[in-house]
N, C-alpha and C. Protein backbone atom coordinates (compact mmCIF):
# COMPACT_ATOMS: atom_id res chain seq x y z
N MET A 1 -7.75 4.09 -3.98
CA MET A 1 -7.50 5.21 -3.11
C MET A 1 -7.68 4.76 -1.66
N ARG A 2 -6.83 5.30 -0.81
CA ARG A 2 -6.93 5.01 0.62
C ARG A 2 -7.40 6.26 1.34
N LEU A 3 -8.06 6.06 2.47
CA LEU A 3 -8.59 7.17 3.26
C LEU A 3 -8.08 7.06 4.68
N PHE A 4 -7.53 8.15 5.19
CA PHE A 4 -7.09 8.23 6.58
C PHE A 4 -8.08 9.13 7.31
N TRP A 5 -8.72 8.59 8.32
CA TRP A 5 -9.72 9.33 9.08
C TRP A 5 -9.33 9.30 10.55
N MET A 6 -9.41 10.45 11.20
CA MET A 6 -9.06 10.51 12.61
C MET A 6 -10.12 11.29 13.37
N ALA A 7 -10.23 11.00 14.64
CA ALA A 7 -11.23 11.68 15.47
C ALA A 7 -10.77 11.71 16.92
N GLY A 8 -11.25 12.71 17.63
CA GLY A 8 -10.99 12.82 19.06
C GLY A 8 -12.16 12.25 19.84
N TYR A 9 -11.86 11.49 20.86
CA TYR A 9 -12.92 10.89 21.68
C TYR A 9 -13.80 11.95 22.35
N TYR A 10 -13.24 13.12 22.65
CA TYR A 10 -13.97 14.14 23.39
C TYR A 10 -14.39 15.31 22.49
N ASP A 11 -14.56 15.04 21.21
CA ASP A 11 -14.95 16.06 20.25
C ASP A 11 -16.46 16.22 20.27
N LEU A 12 -16.93 17.38 20.69
CA LEU A 12 -18.37 17.62 20.73
C LEU A 12 -18.90 18.15 19.40
N THR A 13 -18.03 18.66 18.56
CA THR A 13 -18.43 19.21 17.27
C THR A 13 -18.74 18.11 16.27
N THR A 14 -17.83 17.18 16.13
CA THR A 14 -18.00 16.04 15.21
C THR A 14 -17.68 14.76 15.98
N PRO A 15 -18.64 14.18 16.66
CA PRO A 15 -18.39 12.99 17.47
C PRO A 15 -17.73 11.87 16.66
N ALA A 16 -16.80 11.20 17.28
CA ALA A 16 -15.99 10.19 16.60
C ALA A 16 -16.83 9.11 15.93
N TYR A 17 -17.76 8.57 16.65
CA TYR A 17 -18.48 7.44 16.09
C TYR A 17 -19.57 7.86 15.11
N ALA A 18 -19.98 9.12 15.14
CA ALA A 18 -20.91 9.63 14.13
C ALA A 18 -20.20 9.69 12.78
N GLY A 19 -18.97 10.14 12.79
CA GLY A 19 -18.18 10.17 11.55
C GLY A 19 -17.95 8.78 10.99
N ARG A 20 -17.64 7.86 11.86
CA ARG A 20 -17.40 6.49 11.41
C ARG A 20 -18.69 5.87 10.85
N TYR A 21 -19.80 6.17 11.46
CA TYR A 21 -21.09 5.69 10.98
C TYR A 21 -21.35 6.19 9.56
N ILE A 22 -21.08 7.45 9.32
CA ILE A 22 -21.28 8.02 7.98
C ILE A 22 -20.37 7.34 6.97
N LEU A 23 -19.11 7.12 7.31
CA LEU A 23 -18.20 6.44 6.39
C LEU A 23 -18.69 5.04 6.06
N ASP A 24 -19.24 4.35 7.04
CA ASP A 24 -19.79 3.02 6.79
C ASP A 24 -21.02 3.09 5.89
N GLN A 25 -21.85 4.11 6.09
CA GLN A 25 -23.07 4.24 5.31
C GLN A 25 -22.82 4.59 3.85
N VAL A 26 -21.78 5.34 3.57
CA VAL A 26 -21.50 5.72 2.18
C VAL A 26 -20.72 4.63 1.44
N GLY A 27 -20.31 3.60 2.17
CA GLY A 27 -19.71 2.44 1.52
C GLY A 27 -18.21 2.49 1.33
N VAL A 28 -17.50 3.20 2.18
CA VAL A 28 -16.04 3.19 2.09
C VAL A 28 -15.57 1.80 2.48
N PRO A 29 -14.86 1.10 1.58
CA PRO A 29 -14.40 -0.25 1.90
C PRO A 29 -13.47 -0.27 3.11
N ALA A 30 -13.69 -1.21 3.99
CA ALA A 30 -12.91 -1.29 5.23
C ALA A 30 -11.42 -1.48 4.96
N ASP A 31 -11.06 -2.16 3.87
CA ASP A 31 -9.64 -2.38 3.60
C ASP A 31 -8.95 -1.13 3.04
N GLN A 32 -9.72 -0.11 2.70
CA GLN A 32 -9.14 1.14 2.20
C GLN A 32 -9.22 2.26 3.24
N LEU A 33 -9.76 1.97 4.40
CA LEU A 33 -9.93 2.98 5.44
C LEU A 33 -8.99 2.71 6.61
N THR A 34 -8.26 3.73 6.99
CA THR A 34 -7.44 3.68 8.19
C THR A 34 -8.02 4.69 9.16
N ALA A 35 -8.41 4.23 10.33
CA ALA A 35 -9.02 5.10 11.33
C ALA A 35 -8.11 5.21 12.55
N ALA A 36 -8.03 6.42 13.08
CA ALA A 36 -7.23 6.66 14.28
C ALA A 36 -8.06 7.49 15.25
N HIS A 37 -8.10 7.06 16.49
CA HIS A 37 -8.83 7.79 17.53
C HIS A 37 -7.82 8.31 18.55
N PHE A 38 -8.07 9.51 19.01
CA PHE A 38 -7.16 10.15 19.96
C PHE A 38 -7.93 10.61 21.18
N ALA A 39 -7.26 10.57 22.33
CA ALA A 39 -7.88 11.01 23.59
C ALA A 39 -7.78 12.53 23.66
N GLY A 40 -8.61 13.17 22.86
CA GLY A 40 -8.56 14.62 22.83
C GLY A 40 -9.81 15.21 22.22
N PRO A 41 -9.79 16.53 22.03
CA PRO A 41 -10.94 17.23 21.47
C PRO A 41 -10.91 17.24 19.95
N HIS A 42 -11.56 18.23 19.35
CA HIS A 42 -11.63 18.37 17.90
C HIS A 42 -10.24 18.46 17.28
N GLY A 43 -9.36 19.20 17.91
CA GLY A 43 -7.97 19.27 17.45
C GLY A 43 -7.24 18.05 17.99
N VAL A 44 -7.23 16.97 17.22
CA VAL A 44 -6.70 15.69 17.72
C VAL A 44 -5.22 15.77 18.04
N TYR A 45 -4.56 16.79 17.58
CA TYR A 45 -3.12 16.97 17.82
C TYR A 45 -2.88 17.89 19.02
N ASP A 46 -3.91 18.19 19.81
CA ASP A 46 -3.79 19.07 20.96
C ASP A 46 -3.03 18.36 22.08
N GLY A 47 -1.97 18.96 22.53
CA GLY A 47 -1.15 18.38 23.59
C GLY A 47 0.04 17.63 23.00
N GLU A 48 1.11 17.57 23.74
CA GLU A 48 2.34 16.95 23.25
C GLU A 48 2.18 15.46 22.95
N ASP A 49 1.49 14.73 23.82
CA ASP A 49 1.31 13.29 23.60
C ASP A 49 0.48 13.02 22.36
N ASN A 50 -0.63 13.75 22.22
CA ASN A 50 -1.47 13.57 21.04
C ASN A 50 -0.76 14.00 19.76
N LEU A 51 0.04 15.06 19.83
CA LEU A 51 0.78 15.50 18.66
C LEU A 51 1.76 14.42 18.20
N ALA A 52 2.44 13.79 19.14
CA ALA A 52 3.37 12.71 18.79
C ALA A 52 2.62 11.52 18.17
N ARG A 53 1.49 11.14 18.76
CA ARG A 53 0.69 10.04 18.21
C ARG A 53 0.13 10.39 16.84
N PHE A 54 -0.33 11.63 16.68
CA PHE A 54 -0.87 12.11 15.41
C PHE A 54 0.21 12.03 14.32
N ASN A 55 1.40 12.56 14.61
CA ASN A 55 2.49 12.53 13.64
C ASN A 55 2.86 11.10 13.26
N ALA A 56 2.94 10.23 14.24
CA ALA A 56 3.28 8.83 13.96
C ALA A 56 2.20 8.16 13.11
N ALA A 57 0.93 8.44 13.38
CA ALA A 57 -0.15 7.83 12.62
C ALA A 57 -0.16 8.30 11.17
N VAL A 58 0.06 9.59 10.96
CA VAL A 58 0.09 10.13 9.60
C VAL A 58 1.29 9.59 8.84
N ARG A 59 2.44 9.56 9.47
CA ARG A 59 3.64 9.02 8.80
C ARG A 59 3.45 7.54 8.45
N SER A 60 2.90 6.79 9.38
CA SER A 60 2.67 5.37 9.13
C SER A 60 1.72 5.16 7.96
N PHE A 61 0.67 5.95 7.90
CA PHE A 61 -0.29 5.86 6.80
C PHE A 61 0.37 6.24 5.47
N ALA A 62 1.17 7.30 5.48
CA ALA A 62 1.76 7.80 4.25
C ALA A 62 2.78 6.84 3.65
N ILE A 63 3.54 6.15 4.49
CA ILE A 63 4.57 5.25 3.95
C ILE A 63 4.11 3.83 3.75
N ARG A 64 2.91 3.50 4.24
CA ARG A 64 2.41 2.14 4.09
C ARG A 64 2.11 1.86 2.62
N THR A 65 2.53 0.72 2.17
CA THR A 65 2.22 0.31 0.80
C THR A 65 1.16 -0.75 0.83
N ARG A 66 0.36 -0.75 -0.19
CA ARG A 66 -0.72 -1.72 -0.29
C ARG A 66 -0.25 -2.97 -0.99
N PRO A 67 -0.59 -4.14 -0.48
CA PRO A 67 -0.15 -5.37 -1.16
C PRO A 67 -0.80 -5.54 -2.52
C-alpha cells in the first residue's frame, strides 16, 4: 500500500512537520510514502496556484506505478 500525505506550511491546526514526525514514529516505510508540502494553510488547495499544484500532485501519485 502507498500513502499520499500533504500539508500546508502555514497550517496552525496540524503543523506539517508534526504530521511527518508521527508518520516516521509509526513506521511508515519511506519508499511507500509520498509527501507534498504546499505554501498555504490547512486547506492546501486554497488559492489558484495551490489548487493547480495539489491537482498535479494527486494525479501524479495516482498514476505512478511501483517497480
